[in-house]
Amino acid sequence: TGIGWHEARVPTIATMVPRAAFAWATARVKAAVDIPVIASNRINVPEVAEDLIAQGMADMVSMARPLLADADWVAKARAGRRAALNVCIACNQAC
């Protein structure tokens, strides 16, 4: 679930928004439906994605900007190379 520009008081992709700040909404949807639910918005490091799934808040996570910031994000995360990631900081500078 994504909470976009119209629903949120602040842009959901700005640096001021904490990582996975809207995961609570995904968790509420997941509790109400019997289909897979995807969390999105400011999920830009592996441990946040893994935590959301491990806690049962989402079945999957969606990412776009992290993959623009680092095309090898998935390979590095899979290899446990967190320090090597070029992490998107949501600066909105049209990367």
C-alpha atoms as a PDB file:
ATOM      1  CA  THR A   1       0.000   0.000   0.000  1.00  0.00           C
ATOM      2  CA  GLY A   2       1.229   3.443  -0.749  1.00  0.00           C
ATOM      3  CA  ILE A   3      -0.002   6.627   0.799  1.00  0.00           C
ATOM      4  CA  GLY A   4       0.592   9.289  -1.797  1.00  0.00           C
ATOM      5  CA  TRP A   5       0.810  13.015  -2.126  1.00  0.00           C
ATOM      6  CA  HIS A   6      -2.916  13.599  -1.733  1.00  0.00           C
ATOM      7  CA  GLU A   7      -3.438  11.466   1.349  1.00  0.00           C
ATOM      8  CA  ALA A   8      -0.384  12.531   3.346  1.00  0.00           C
ATOM      9  CA  ARG A   9       0.423  15.858   4.964  1.00  0.00           C
ATOM     10  CA  VAL A  10       4.051  15.574   3.888  1.00  0.00           C
ATOM     11  CA  PRO A  11       5.458  14.017   0.724  1.00  0.00           C
ATOM     12  CA  THR A  12       5.890  10.309   1.396  1.00  0.00           C
ATOM     13  CA  ILE A  13       9.187  10.193  -0.416  1.00  0.00           C
ATOM     14  CA  ALA A  14      10.921  13.100   1.336  1.00  0.00           C
ATOM     15  CA  THR A  15      13.908  12.653   3.629  1.00  0.00           C
ATOM     16  CA  MET A  16      11.869  13.892   6.611  1.00  0.00           C
ATOM     17  CA  VAL A  17       9.609  10.839   6.406  1.00  0.00           C
ATOM     18  CA  PRO A  18      11.015   7.905   8.419  1.00  0.00           C
ATOM     19  CA  ARG A  19      11.713   4.597   6.718  1.00  0.00           C
ATOM     20  CA  ALA A  20       8.559   2.509   6.284  1.00  0.00           C
ATOM     21  CA  ALA A  21       6.545   5.254   7.993  1.00  0.00           C
ATOM     22  CA  PHE A  22       3.297   4.067   6.451  1.00  0.00           C
ATOM     23  CA  ALA A  23       3.733   0.343   7.080  1.00  0.00           C
ATOM     24  CA  TRP A  24       1.003   0.599   9.702  1.00  0.00           C
ATOM     25  CA  ALA A  25      -1.478   1.128   6.849  1.00  0.00           C
ATOM     26  CA  THR A  26      -0.231  -1.970   5.067  1.00  0.00           C
ATOM     27  CA  ALA A  27      -0.573  -3.995   8.276  1.00  0.00           C
ATOM     28  CA  ARG A  28      -4.187  -2.858   8.676  1.00  0.00           C
ATOM     29  CA  VAL A  29      -5.031  -3.838   5.118  1.00  0.00           C
ATOM     30  CA  LYS A  30      -3.255  -7.190   5.540  1.00  0.00           C
ATOM     31  CA  ALA A  31      -5.335  -7.945   8.635  1.00  0.00           C
ATOM     32  CA  ALA A  32      -8.535  -7.297   6.692  1.00  0.00           C
ATOM     33  CA  VAL A  33      -7.924  -9.218   3.470  1.00  0.00           C
ATOM     34  CA  ASP A  34      -6.930 -12.710   2.371  1.00  0.00           C
ATOM     35  CA  ILE A  35      -4.655 -11.727  -0.505  1.00  0.00           C
ATOM     36  CA  PRO A  36      -0.966 -10.767  -0.493  1.00  0.00           C
ATOM     37  CA  VAL A  37      -0.266  -7.173   0.508  1.00  0.00           C
ATOM     38  CA  ILE A  38       2.724  -5.110  -0.599  1.00  0.00           C
ATOM     39  CA  ALA A  39       4.303  -2.377   1.551  1.00  0.00           C
ATOM     40  CA  SER A  40       5.873   0.657  -0.081  1.00  0.00           C
ATOM     41  CA  ASN A  41       7.282   4.121   0.616  1.00  0.00           C
ATOM     42  CA  ARG A  42      10.741   4.742   2.088  1.00  0.00           C
ATOM     43  CA  ILE A  43      11.744   1.093   2.286  1.00  0.00           C
ATOM     44  CA  ASN A  44      15.316   1.538   1.151  1.00  0.00           C
ATOM     45  CA  VAL A  45      17.501  -0.815   3.189  1.00  0.00           C
ATOM     46  CA  PRO A  46      17.336  -4.612   3.487  1.00  0.00           C
ATOM     47  CA  GLU A  47      16.757  -4.750   7.234  1.00  0.00           C
ATOM     48  CA  VAL A  48      13.603  -2.614   6.991  1.00  0.00           C
ATOM     49  CA  ALA A  49      12.195  -4.785   4.204  1.00  0.00           C
ATOM     50  CA  GLU A  50      13.042  -7.973   6.088  1.00  0.00           C
ATOM     51  CA  ASP A  51      11.529  -6.667   9.344  1.00  0.00           C
ATOM     52  CA  LEU A  52       8.220  -5.759   7.708  1.00  0.00           C
ATOM     53  CA  ILE A  53       7.872  -9.251   6.299  1.00  0.00           C
ATOM     54  CA  ALA A  54       9.147 -10.999   9.451  1.00  0.00           C
ATOM     55  CA  GLN A  55       6.683  -9.053  11.624  1.00  0.00           C
ATOM     56  CA  GLY A  56       3.830 -10.049   9.330  1.00  0.00           C
ATOM     57  CA  MET A  57       3.066  -6.453   8.376  1.00  0.00           C
ATOM     58  CA  ALA A  58       3.386  -7.205   4.647  1.00  0.00           C
ATOM     59  CA  ASP A  59       3.838 -10.150   2.326  1.00  0.00           C
ATOM     60  CA  MET A  60       6.175  -8.268  -0.003  1.00  0.00           C
ATOM     61  CA  VAL A  61       7.833  -4.879  -0.320  1.00  0.00           C
ATOM     62  CA  SER A  62       7.943  -2.565  -3.295  1.00  0.00           C
ATOM     63  CA  MET A  63      10.987  -0.491  -4.160  1.00  0.00           C
ATOM     64  CA  ALA A  64      11.816   1.910  -6.960  1.00  0.00           C
ATOM     65  CA  ARG A  65      14.170   4.639  -5.788  1.00  0.00           C
ATOM     66  CA  PRO A  66      16.568   2.256  -4.043  1.00  0.00           C
ATOM     67  CA  LEU A  67      17.069   0.504  -7.380  1.00  0.00           C
ATOM     68  CA  LEU A  68      17.654   3.822  -9.152  1.00  0.00           C
ATOM     69  CA  ALA A  69      20.220   4.797  -6.526  1.00  0.00           C
ATOM     70  CA  ASP A  70      22.002   1.446  -6.806  1.00  0.00           C
ATOM     71  CA  ALA A  71      21.304  -0.893  -9.716  1.00  0.00           C
ATOM     72  CA  ASP A  72      23.077  -3.689  -7.796  1.00  0.00           C
ATOM     73  CA  TRP A  73      20.927  -3.209  -4.667  1.00  0.00           C
ATOM     74  CA  VAL A  74      19.371  -6.685  -4.807  1.00  0.00           C
ATOM     75  CA  ALA A  75      22.668  -8.491  -5.408  1.00  0.00           C
ATOM     76  CA  LYS A  76      24.400  -6.572  -2.614  1.00  0.00           C
ATOM     77  CA  ALA A  77      21.528  -7.142  -0.186  1.00  0.00           C
ATOM     78  CA  ARG A  78      21.372 -10.851  -1.019  1.00  0.00           C
ATOM     79  CA  ALA A  79      25.138 -11.134  -0.434  1.00  0.00           C
ATOM     80  CA  GLY A  80      24.863  -9.353   2.928  1.00  0.00           C
ATOM     81  CA  ARG A  81      26.873  -6.382   1.683  1.00  0.00           C
ATOM     82  CA  ARG A  82      24.746  -3.693   3.373  1.00  0.00           C
ATOM     83  CA  ALA A  83      27.705  -1.294   3.734  1.00  0.00           C
ATOM     84  CA  ALA A  84      28.257  -1.392  -0.037  1.00  0.00           C
ATOM     85  CA  LEU A  85      24.738  -0.146  -0.832  1.00  0.00           C
ATOM     86  CA  ASN A  86      24.279   3.318  -2.284  1.00  0.00           C
ATOM     87  CA  VAL A  87      21.159   4.068  -0.241  1.00  0.00           C
ATOM     88  CA  CYS A  88      18.520   6.455  -1.574  1.00  0.00           C
ATOM     89  CA  ILE A  89      18.109   9.299   0.919  1.00  0.00           C
ATOM     90  CA  ALA A  90      14.882  10.627  -0.667  1.00  0.00           C
ATOM     91  CA  CYS A  91      16.380  14.022  -1.413  1.00  0.00           C
ATOM     92  CA  ASN A  92      14.038  14.534  -4.391  1.00  0.00           C
ATOM     93  CA  GLN A  93      16.832  15.756  -6.645  1.00  0.00           C
ATOM     94  CA  ALA A  94      15.652  13.813  -9.703  1.00  0.00           C
ATOM     95  CA  CYS A  95      18.279  11.080  -9.641  1.00  0.00           C
END
